[in-house]
Amino acid sequence: MLHPLKITSTLADETRFSIYQYMLQEKDSFSVQNIADQFQIHPNVARLHLTKLNEIDVITSEYEKTGKGGRPGRKYKAVTNGIALTFPQRNYEELLSWVLEIIIELGEDANTIGKKICYKKGVEQIQSILSKRQRDKALISFDERVEIITEASSLIGYVPVILDKPEGKTIRFAVYNCPFHSQIEKHASLVCDLHESFLKGQFEYLFDVQEFAQIDSMIESCKYCTYRIDI
């Protein structure tokens, strides 16, 4: 197992961390030259950053034939499961798996309670942000509400986009960094239900939501989980 200090020191470099975030969001394979062009750095520097990220297992690398003859090129891709750090070592991933299995064993009533709790946690996160800003929800503008939901969304990797329509406003966003990705394969339906309840808690506390709908889902082989919220 990698030492936590090796992981944190590797990701402490601002450019390297930005490269990792970019690769995680795009969910694609990249060559050294792709990264060099995107971040306007020398290919040798890009190669160093990618090698360091590969060493801590947050990205993978493999050789890919170009179809033009010659040596195959190396391509890099972000690992979707990510990494977890705790001091001292704690196995929260296994604990989460146990909790999900308990909910499944207890049946629909436990699922309903779980969704209520996750909804409440979504509300509480927004309340915490409002408290830190020393703002009253009843007095803030629509634009500030968008700022707050954007701040909350940055923690799990989605950026809301506001669309103006004749019938009202629509918020669209795509989750590209699912915080529970490691559990999707085994408990897909339950994990998505709980996470969606958390997101609903956030949005319904801040906005007068008319409809909250999922458009795309990672469990259906989509690149992102995409949502539409009519307000």
Foldseek 3Di string as FASTA:
>chain_A
DDDPVLVCVLCVDPLLVVLLLVLLQVQDKAFLVRSCVVVVHDSVVSVVSQVSCVVVPQKDKDFDQPVPDDGTGIIIGGDQLGDDDDVVDDDVLVVVVVVLVVLVVVPDVSLVVLLVVLLVLLLVQLVVVCVVVVHDLVPDDPVVLLVSVQVVCVVQAKHWDWDQDPVAIKIKIWRSRHNNVVCCVPRVVSSVSNNVSSVCSNDVNRDVWPDKAWDDDVSVVDNTTMIMTGD
